[in-house]
Amino acid sequence: MNTLFKLSLANLKHKTARTFYLTALVVFMSFTVFFGATVTLGLNRGLDSLKTRLGADIIVIPRKEANLHQVEGMLFSGKPGYFYMNKSVLDDISSMDGIEKITAQFYLASLTADCCSSEMQLIGIDPDTDFVISPWLNQAYSGDLGEMEVIVGSDVFIPKTGIIKVYNQDLRAVGNLEKTGTGLDITVYGNTDTIKRLLKSAQNLGVTTYSSDPDEMISSVMIKVSRDYDKGKLTEEINKRFTDVRAVENQHMISSFSEKLDVATVVIKTVVGVIWLLALVIIAFAFSMLLNERKREFAVLRVLGFTRKSLLISIFYEIILICAAGSVIGVLLSSFWSLQIKYFLETRLEVPFLFEDYGSFILQGILTIVSSVLMGLVVLIIPVLRVVKTSPEAVLREVD
């Protein structure tokens, strides 16, 4: 091991209190930077993922049976829900101008009971007309979904048998979707006939109060508006013509959440920036004070034969060791708390949150560590050079 490195390490071990406080400052700074970056990126990725998955321009739901909060809960936080309206709504809306594509979906929620593997959201689609979900379902399964075959979200547990039980019916999982950080991660997707069959089974078991014929019902209508037609105008026309349903622009539903997210992101970035600058100033001040107090120590080393270069390298070794140790601890602590805040945001605040993949997450941690070390060297280079260039004779005379 390098002699100068050994000397620096021994000095840090000898001055344990000083080393602890300086390291704690770096821990605080790196924790704040990594935590803030992780949270803001996770929120933005979650929102982007949700926008990508929604697909449709307008969603039509029953006015009395459903509300926007319920729909947002299904999309954002994965709260299982269901509501129904007569399927004639689909035909009535299809005849309107400005519609490029239109399809219906059928919703069902399972129970945490013996009849079901777990509580989850189930969505039925029409393979012949669906344009919302099929494009990204095809990424997980290239074939056509058969009867009682489903594709599941990333957080849905699949037994080794590949069979999921819902209302005493066996569903065969044929694909698993990538994580989105939204309620879609605990959703099961099948064709409409499959999901309606599950509702009929629930009716036979007596675990639902819904008694209408599932074959005559749908849950929502998804609309892709023609490019040359105004989305707001079509939404307004649907709401005026059909009093039993409510049409909502998906973008408006996301925008209300996106605005809140933007405010939260700005606040987080501001707080992180202020704390980072404050910690950096404190670190620079503390190191400068300590360097000034150690001028006699450095002067003695110079008298004993240390060159300015050797002394400079020795001091930089100390700075690197403190910054590296502090930033590693800070990143590890931040990683743990990032997982906790992810759970809190998704379950308590119903906010979509999506981490980077593990490779990007680790790379971000490494960049935080490297930047913390480099920043420590940059802000301290002037006071270090000032101390190193000071004449040892002058320092020793001052002390005498």
Protein backbone atom coordinates (compact mmCIF):
# COMPACT_ATOMS: atom_id res chain seq x y z
CA MET A 1 0.00 0.00 0.00
CA ASN A 2 1.25 3.51 -0.82
CA THR A 3 3.10 5.10 2.14
CA LEU A 4 1.24 8.40 1.79
CA PHE A 5 -2.08 6.56 1.67
CA LYS A 6 -1.15 4.64 4.83
CA LEU A 7 -0.27 7.90 6.55
CA SER A 8 -3.58 9.50 5.55
CA LEU A 9 -5.54 6.45 6.70
CA ALA A 10 -3.70 6.35 10.02
CA ASN A 11 -4.36 10.04 10.57
CA LEU A 12 -8.09 9.57 9.99
CA LYS A 13 -8.17 6.62 12.40
CA HIS A 14 -6.29 8.61 15.02
CA LYS A 15 -8.65 11.60 14.83
CA THR A 16 -11.87 9.58 15.05
CA ALA A 17 -14.16 12.42 16.20
CA ARG A 18 -13.00 14.74 13.43
CA THR A 19 -13.29 11.98 10.84
CA PHE A 20 -16.79 11.06 12.04
CA TYR A 21 -18.19 14.59 11.83
CA LEU A 22 -16.71 15.28 8.40
CA THR A 23 -17.95 11.94 7.08
CA ALA A 24 -21.41 12.62 8.52
CA LEU A 25 -21.58 15.88 6.55
CA VAL A 26 -20.76 14.04 3.33
CA VAL A 27 -23.32 11.33 4.18
CA PHE A 28 -25.97 14.02 4.60
CA MET A 29 -25.07 15.68 1.29
CA SER A 30 -24.90 12.49 -0.80
CA PHE A 31 -28.06 11.09 0.83
CA THR A 32 -29.99 14.22 -0.09
CA VAL A 33 -28.72 14.33 -3.67
CA PHE A 34 -29.32 10.64 -4.41
CA PHE A 35 -32.68 10.53 -2.64
CA GLY A 36 -33.95 13.66 -4.40
CA ALA A 37 -32.79 12.45 -7.81
CA THR A 38 -34.27 8.98 -7.28
CA VAL A 39 -37.67 10.29 -6.17
CA THR A 40 -38.05 12.90 -8.92
CA LEU A 41 -36.95 10.46 -11.63
CA GLY A 42 -39.25 7.76 -10.24
CA LEU A 43 -42.25 10.10 -10.26
CA ASN A 44 -41.57 11.31 -13.79
CA ARG A 45 -41.02 7.76 -15.11
CA GLY A 46 -44.23 6.61 -13.45
CA LEU A 47 -46.23 9.40 -15.08
CA ASP A 48 -44.63 8.81 -18.49
CA SER A 49 -45.41 5.11 -18.19
CA LEU A 50 -49.04 5.87 -17.38
CA LYS A 51 -49.37 8.22 -20.36
CA THR A 52 -47.97 5.53 -22.64
CA ARG A 53 -50.34 2.86 -21.33
CA LEU A 54 -53.59 4.87 -21.51
CA GLY A 55 -53.61 5.01 -25.29
CA ALA A 56 -57.12 6.43 -25.79
CA ASP A 57 -58.01 10.12 -26.06
CA ILE A 58 -61.41 9.83 -24.37
CA ILE A 59 -62.84 7.39 -21.84
CA VAL A 60 -66.61 7.03 -21.39
CA ILE A 61 -67.95 5.63 -18.11
CA PRO A 62 -71.43 5.31 -16.53
CA ARG A 63 -72.38 8.59 -14.84
CA LYS A 64 -74.11 7.18 -11.75
CA GLU A 65 -72.21 3.96 -11.10
CA ALA A 66 -68.67 5.35 -11.59
CA ASN A 67 -66.70 8.45 -10.69
CA LEU A 68 -63.36 9.84 -11.77
CA HIS A 69 -61.78 9.14 -8.39
CA GLN A 70 -62.61 5.46 -8.82
CA VAL A 71 -61.10 5.36 -12.30
CA GLU A 72 -57.98 7.20 -11.12
CA GLY A 73 -57.67 4.73 -8.25
CA MET A 74 -57.72 1.82 -10.69
CA LEU A 75 -55.09 3.42 -12.91
CA PHE A 76 -52.80 5.13 -10.41
CA SER A 77 -52.86 2.93 -7.31
CA GLY A 78 -54.36 -0.35 -8.47
CA LYS A 79 -57.49 -0.19 -6.32
CA PRO A 80 -59.72 -2.90 -7.83
CA GLY A 81 -63.08 -1.65 -8.99
CA TYR A 82 -65.90 -2.30 -11.44
CA PHE A 83 -68.95 -0.58 -12.90
CA TYR A 84 -71.24 -1.34 -15.81
CA MET A 85 -73.52 0.23 -18.40
CA ASN A 86 -75.57 -1.16 -21.26
CA LYS A 87 -73.49 -2.18 -24.25
CA SER A 88 -75.81 -0.19 -26.55
CA VAL A 89 -73.78 2.89 -25.54
CA LEU A 90 -70.92 1.60 -27.69
CA ASP A 91 -73.07 1.41 -30.83
CA ASP A 92 -74.66 4.80 -30.15
CA ILE A 93 -71.32 6.58 -29.73
CA SER A 94 -69.76 4.75 -32.71
CA SER A 95 -72.11 6.59 -35.07
CA MET A 96 -70.76 10.02 -34.06
CA ASP A 97 -68.37 12.05 -36.20
CA GLY A 98 -64.71 12.47 -35.30
CA ILE A 99 -64.05 8.92 -34.10
CA GLU A 100 -61.06 7.13 -35.60
CA LYS A 101 -61.11 4.06 -33.34
CA ILE A 102 -63.44 2.86 -30.62
CA THR A 103 -63.52 -0.17 -28.33
CA ALA A 104 -65.17 -1.32 -25.12
CA GLN A 105 -63.62 -2.72 -21.95
CA PHE A 106 -65.10 -4.88 -19.22
CA TYR A 107 -63.92 -4.59 -15.59
CA LEU A 108 -64.07 -6.98 -12.67
CA ALA A 109 -62.44 -7.09 -9.23
CA SER A 110 -61.46 -10.32 -7.51
CA LEU A 111 -61.62 -10.94 -3.76
CA THR A 112 -59.20 -11.95 -1.02
CA ALA A 113 -61.21 -15.09 -0.36
CA ASP A 114 -60.95 -18.84 -0.91
CA CYS A 115 -62.51 -18.46 -4.34
CA CYS A 116 -59.65 -16.23 -5.55
CA SER A 117 -55.85 -16.38 -5.51
CA SER A 118 -55.63 -12.73 -4.44
CA GLU A 119 -57.32 -9.35 -4.80
CA MET A 120 -56.66 -7.88 -8.23
CA GLN A 121 -58.15 -5.85 -11.04
CA LEU A 122 -59.33 -7.73 -14.14
CA ILE A 123 -59.84 -6.02 -17.50
CA GLY A 124 -61.51 -7.64 -20.49
CA ILE A 125 -60.81 -6.39 -24.01
CA ASP A 126 -62.24 -7.08 -27.43
CA PRO A 127 -59.28 -8.39 -29.48
CA ASP A 128 -60.99 -7.39 -32.74
CA THR A 129 -61.34 -3.69 -31.89
CA ASP A 130 -58.92 -2.99 -29.04
CA PHE A 131 -56.24 -0.40 -29.76
CA VAL A 132 -55.43 0.62 -26.18
CA ILE A 133 -54.03 -2.45 -24.46
CA SER A 134 -53.23 -4.90 -27.25
CA PRO A 135 -50.12 -3.03 -28.53
CA TRP A 136 -48.25 -3.52 -25.26
CA LEU A 137 -49.83 -6.88 -24.44
CA ASN A 138 -48.18 -8.14 -27.62
CA GLN A 139 -44.81 -7.37 -26.05
CA ALA A 140 -45.48 -10.07 -23.45
CA TYR A 141 -47.36 -12.58 -25.62
CA SER A 142 -47.34 -12.78 -29.40
CA GLY A 143 -50.30 -15.12 -29.78
CA ASP A 144 -54.04 -14.53 -29.52
CA LEU A 145 -55.56 -14.74 -26.05
CA GLY A 146 -57.75 -17.82 -25.91
CA GLU A 147 -60.60 -18.56 -23.54
CA MET A 148 -59.47 -18.40 -19.89
CA GLU A 149 -56.00 -17.19 -20.93
CA VAL A 150 -54.67 -13.98 -19.40
CA ILE A 151 -51.66 -11.70 -19.36
CA VAL A 152 -50.77 -10.31 -15.94
CA GLY A 153 -49.10 -7.19 -14.59
CA SER A 154 -45.58 -7.34 -13.18
CA ASP A 155 -46.71 -7.46 -9.53
CA VAL A 156 -49.28 -10.23 -9.92
CA PHE A 157 -48.04 -13.45 -8.34
CA ILE A 158 -48.07 -16.41 -10.70
CA PRO A 159 -47.80 -19.89 -9.12
CA LYS A 160 -45.43 -22.41 -10.66
CA THR A 161 -48.43 -24.07 -12.27
CA GLY A 162 -49.18 -20.84 -14.13
CA ILE A 163 -52.79 -21.06 -12.95
CA ILE A 164 -54.57 -18.18 -11.19
CA LYS A 165 -57.88 -18.92 -9.49
CA VAL A 166 -60.62 -16.28 -9.70
CA TYR A 167 -64.14 -17.05 -8.48
CA ASN A 168 -63.34 -20.76 -8.63
CA GLN A 169 -62.33 -20.49 -12.28
CA ASP A 170 -58.80 -21.33 -13.43
CA LEU A 171 -57.03 -18.72 -15.51
CA ARG A 172 -53.85 -19.66 -17.36
CA ALA A 173 -51.22 -16.90 -17.31
CA VAL A 174 -49.49 -16.85 -20.70
CA GLY A 175 -47.49 -13.63 -20.31
CA ASN A 176 -46.10 -11.16 -17.81
CA LEU A 177 -45.91 -7.40 -18.47
CA GLU A 178 -43.03 -5.07 -17.69
CA LYS A 179 -43.34 -2.90 -14.60
CA THR A 180 -45.06 0.47 -15.05
CA GLY A 181 -45.10 1.83 -11.50
CA THR A 182 -48.90 2.25 -11.70
CA GLY A 183 -52.00 0.32 -10.73
CA LEU A 184 -51.68 -1.54 -14.02
CA ASP A 185 -48.96 -3.66 -12.38
CA ILE A 186 -51.56 -5.57 -10.35
CA THR A 187 -54.02 -5.97 -13.21
CA VAL A 188 -54.98 -9.10 -15.14
CA TYR A 189 -55.93 -8.83 -18.81
CA GLY A 190 -58.03 -11.25 -20.83
CA ASN A 191 -60.58 -11.14 -23.62
CA THR A 192 -64.06 -9.89 -22.78
CA ASP A 193 -65.65 -13.35 -22.88
CA THR A 194 -63.20 -14.62 -20.26
CA ILE A 195 -63.84 -11.79 -17.81
CA LYS A 196 -67.62 -12.00 -18.29
CA ARG A 197 -67.44 -15.71 -17.57
CA LEU A 198 -65.72 -14.86 -14.27
CA LEU A 199 -68.51 -12.44 -13.36
CA LYS A 200 -71.11 -15.11 -14.07
CA SER A 201 -69.19 -17.46 -11.78
CA ALA A 202 -69.16 -14.78 -9.07
CA GLN A 203 -72.93 -14.43 -9.45
CA ASN A 204 -73.37 -18.18 -9.09
CA LEU A 205 -71.21 -18.16 -5.97
CA GLY A 206 -73.30 -15.35 -4.50
CA VAL A 207 -70.27 -13.12 -3.83
CA THR A 208 -71.56 -10.18 -5.87
CA THR A 209 -74.75 -8.14 -5.67
CA TYR A 210 -74.62 -7.41 -9.38
CA SER A 211 -77.43 -9.40 -11.00
CA SER A 212 -77.67 -8.12 -14.60
CA ASP A 213 -76.62 -10.26 -17.54
CA PRO A 214 -72.88 -9.63 -18.17
CA ASP A 215 -73.36 -10.29 -21.90
CA GLU A 216 -75.48 -7.13 -22.12
CA MET A 217 -73.00 -4.92 -20.27
CA ILE A 218 -69.70 -3.11 -20.75
CA SER A 219 -67.67 -1.01 -18.31
CA SER A 220 -66.13 1.72 -20.43
CA VAL A 221 -65.72 2.93 -23.97
CA MET A 222 -62.27 3.98 -25.20
CA ILE A 223 -62.09 6.45 -28.09
CA LYS A 224 -59.28 7.52 -30.41
CA VAL A 225 -60.24 10.87 -31.93
CA SER A 226 -59.52 11.65 -35.58
CA ARG A 227 -56.58 13.99 -36.09
CA ASP A 228 -58.69 16.67 -37.76
CA TYR A 229 -61.31 16.63 -34.98
CA ASP A 230 -61.19 18.50 -31.68
CA LYS A 231 -61.07 16.17 -28.65
CA GLY A 232 -62.76 18.66 -26.37
CA LYS A 233 -65.60 19.17 -28.82
CA LEU A 234 -66.27 15.43 -29.13
CA THR A 235 -66.16 15.03 -25.34
CA GLU A 236 -68.69 17.82 -24.95
CA GLU A 237 -70.96 16.36 -27.64
CA ILE A 238 -71.01 12.94 -25.95
CA ASN A 239 -71.87 14.45 -22.57
CA LYS A 240 -74.69 16.50 -24.08
CA ARG A 241 -76.19 13.67 -26.12
CA PHE A 242 -75.95 10.87 -23.55
CA THR A 243 -77.01 11.87 -20.04
CA ASP A 244 -76.39 8.45 -18.51
CA VAL A 245 -72.67 8.44 -19.26
CA ARG A 246 -69.71 10.73 -18.66
CA ALA A 247 -66.98 11.33 -21.22
CA VAL A 248 -63.59 12.49 -19.97
CA GLU A 249 -60.42 13.33 -21.83
CA ASN A 250 -57.65 11.09 -20.54
CA GLN A 251 -55.23 13.99 -20.83
CA HIS A 252 -57.35 16.06 -18.44
CA MET A 253 -57.41 13.22 -15.95
CA ILE A 254 -53.63 12.99 -16.08
CA SER A 255 -53.10 16.75 -16.20
CA SER A 256 -54.65 17.34 -12.77
CA PHE A 257 -52.28 14.78 -11.34
CA SER A 258 -49.38 15.97 -13.48
CA GLU A 259 -49.74 19.53 -12.19
CA LYS A 260 -49.52 18.32 -8.60
CA LEU A 261 -46.53 16.18 -9.54
CA ASP A 262 -44.79 19.15 -11.18
CA VAL A 263 -45.23 21.22 -8.02
CA ALA A 264 -43.93 18.38 -5.85
CA THR A 265 -40.95 17.87 -8.18
CA VAL A 266 -40.04 21.56 -8.09
CA VAL A 267 -40.26 21.58 -4.29
CA ILE A 268 -38.10 18.45 -4.02
CA LYS A 269 -35.49 19.82 -6.42
CA THR A 270 -35.42 23.18 -4.61
CA VAL A 271 -35.03 21.58 -1.19
CA VAL A 272 -32.34 19.22 -2.50
CA GLY A 273 -30.49 22.12 -4.14
CA VAL A 274 -30.58 24.27 -1.01
CA ILE A 275 -29.50 21.41 1.26
CA TRP A 276 -26.76 20.39 -1.16
CA LEU A 277 -25.34 23.93 -1.34
CA LEU A 278 -25.61 24.35 2.43
CA ALA A 279 -23.86 21.04 3.06
CA LEU A 280 -21.16 21.93 0.53
CA VAL A 281 -20.52 25.29 2.21
CA ILE A 282 -20.37 23.65 5.64
CA ILE A 283 -17.98 20.98 4.38
CA ALA A 284 -15.72 23.58 2.76
CA PHE A 285 -15.77 25.72 5.92
CA ALA A 286 -15.14 22.77 8.25
CA PHE A 287 -12.28 21.40 6.15
CA SER A 288 -10.74 24.87 5.84
CA MET A 289 -10.87 25.38 9.60
CA LEU A 290 -9.26 22.00 10.22
CA LEU A 291 -6.57 22.62 7.62
CA ASN A 292 -5.77 25.92 9.29
CA GLU A 293 -5.57 24.23 12.71
CA ARG A 294 -3.21 21.58 11.28
CA LYS A 295 -0.74 24.06 9.80
CA ARG A 296 1.85 23.23 12.49
CA GLU A 297 1.41 19.50 11.77
CA PHE A 298 2.01 20.11 8.08
CA ALA A 299 4.98 22.36 8.80
CA VAL A 300 6.61 19.64 10.92
CA LEU A 301 6.11 17.13 8.10
CA ARG A 302 7.79 19.54 5.69
CA VAL A 303 10.75 19.93 8.06
CA LEU A 304 11.00 16.14 8.32
CA GLY A 305 11.44 15.92 4.56
CA PHE A 306 7.95 15.94 3.02
CA THR A 307 7.81 17.76 -0.29
CA ARG A 308 4.89 20.03 -1.12
CA LYS A 309 3.70 17.43 -3.63
CA SER A 310 3.79 14.65 -1.02
CA LEU A 311 1.91 16.78 1.47
CA LEU A 312 -0.65 17.74 -1.15
CA ILE A 313 -1.21 14.10 -2.11
CA SER A 314 -1.54 13.10 1.57
CA ILE A 315 -4.22 15.74 2.21
CA PHE A 316 -6.09 14.81 -0.95
CA TYR A 317 -6.05 11.16 0.12
CA GLU A 318 -7.80 12.18 3.35
CA ILE A 319 -10.40 14.19 1.45
CA ILE A 320 -11.01 11.33 -1.00
CA LEU A 321 -11.34 8.76 1.79
CA ILE A 322 -13.79 10.89 3.77
CA CYS A 323 -15.88 11.84 0.72
CA ALA A 324 -15.89 8.29 -0.67
CA ALA A 325 -16.87 6.67 2.64
CA GLY A 326 -19.53 9.30 3.35
CA SER A 327 -21.05 9.17 -0.13
CA VAL A 328 -21.16 5.35 -0.17
CA ILE A 329 -22.98 5.32 3.18
CA GLY A 330 -25.27 8.12 2.01
CA VAL A 331 -26.19 6.30 -1.20
CA LEU A 332 -26.86 3.03 0.64
CA LEU A 333 -29.09 4.77 3.20
CA SER A 334 -30.83 6.69 0.45
CA SER A 335 -31.46 3.47 -1.51
CA PHE A 336 -33.21 1.97 1.51
CA TRP A 337 -35.37 5.03 2.13
CA SER A 338 -36.16 5.35 -1.58
CA LEU A 339 -37.82 1.94 -1.40
CA GLN A 340 -39.83 3.08 1.63
CA ILE A 341 -40.99 6.29 -0.04
CA LYS A 342 -41.89 4.30 -3.17
CA TYR A 343 -44.24 2.13 -1.12
CA PHE A 344 -45.68 5.20 0.64
CA LEU A 345 -46.30 7.10 -2.60
CA GLU A 346 -47.93 4.14 -4.34
CA THR A 347 -50.12 2.93 -1.47
CA ARG A 348 -50.92 6.02 0.58
CA LEU A 349 -50.82 8.88 -1.91
CA GLU A 350 -51.86 6.79 -4.95
CA VAL A 351 -48.99 8.15 -7.04
CA PRO A 352 -47.47 6.15 -9.92
CA PHE A 353 -43.79 5.56 -9.23
CA LEU A 354 -41.31 3.67 -11.39
CA PHE A 355 -37.68 3.05 -10.55
CA GLU A 356 -34.99 2.81 -13.18
CA ASP A 357 -33.79 -0.71 -13.90
CA TYR A 358 -31.16 -2.03 -11.48
CA GLY A 359 -28.31 -1.21 -13.86
CA SER A 360 -29.36 2.44 -14.15
CA PHE A 361 -30.06 2.60 -10.42
CA ILE A 362 -26.54 1.35 -9.60
CA LEU A 363 -25.01 3.68 -12.20
CA GLN A 364 -26.84 6.62 -10.65
CA GLY A 365 -25.44 5.65 -7.25
CA ILE A 366 -21.91 5.41 -8.64
CA LEU A 367 -22.26 8.81 -10.31
CA THR A 368 -23.43 10.30 -7.01
CA ILE A 369 -20.40 8.86 -5.21
CA VAL A 370 -17.95 10.04 -7.87
CA SER A 371 -19.51 13.52 -8.06
CA SER A 372 -19.40 13.86 -4.26
CA VAL A 373 -15.68 13.03 -4.22
CA LEU A 374 -14.91 15.35 -7.13
CA MET A 375 -16.96 18.16 -5.62
CA GLY A 376 -15.11 17.77 -2.33
CA LEU A 377 -11.78 18.06 -4.14
CA VAL A 378 -12.90 21.06 -6.18
CA VAL A 379 -14.22 23.16 -3.28
CA LEU A 380 -11.19 22.37 -1.11
CA ILE A 381 -8.40 22.73 -3.65
CA ILE A 382 -7.85 26.44 -2.93
CA PRO A 383 -7.58 26.17 0.89
CA VAL A 384 -5.41 23.04 0.51
CA LEU A 385 -3.01 24.78 -1.90
CA ARG A 386 -2.89 27.80 0.39
CA VAL A 387 -1.83 25.64 3.34
CA VAL A 388 0.67 23.60 1.32
CA LYS A 389 2.35 26.69 -0.13
CA THR A 390 2.79 28.30 3.29
CA SER A 391 6.42 28.34 4.42
CA PRO A 392 7.00 25.86 7.29
CA GLU A 393 9.47 28.25 8.92
CA ALA A 394 6.86 31.01 9.01
CA VAL A 395 4.28 28.67 10.55
CA LEU A 396 6.66 27.45 13.25
CA ARG A 397 7.70 31.04 14.07
CA GLU A 398 4.01 31.98 14.47
CA VAL A 399 3.53 29.15 16.93
CA ASP A 400 6.67 30.07 18.85
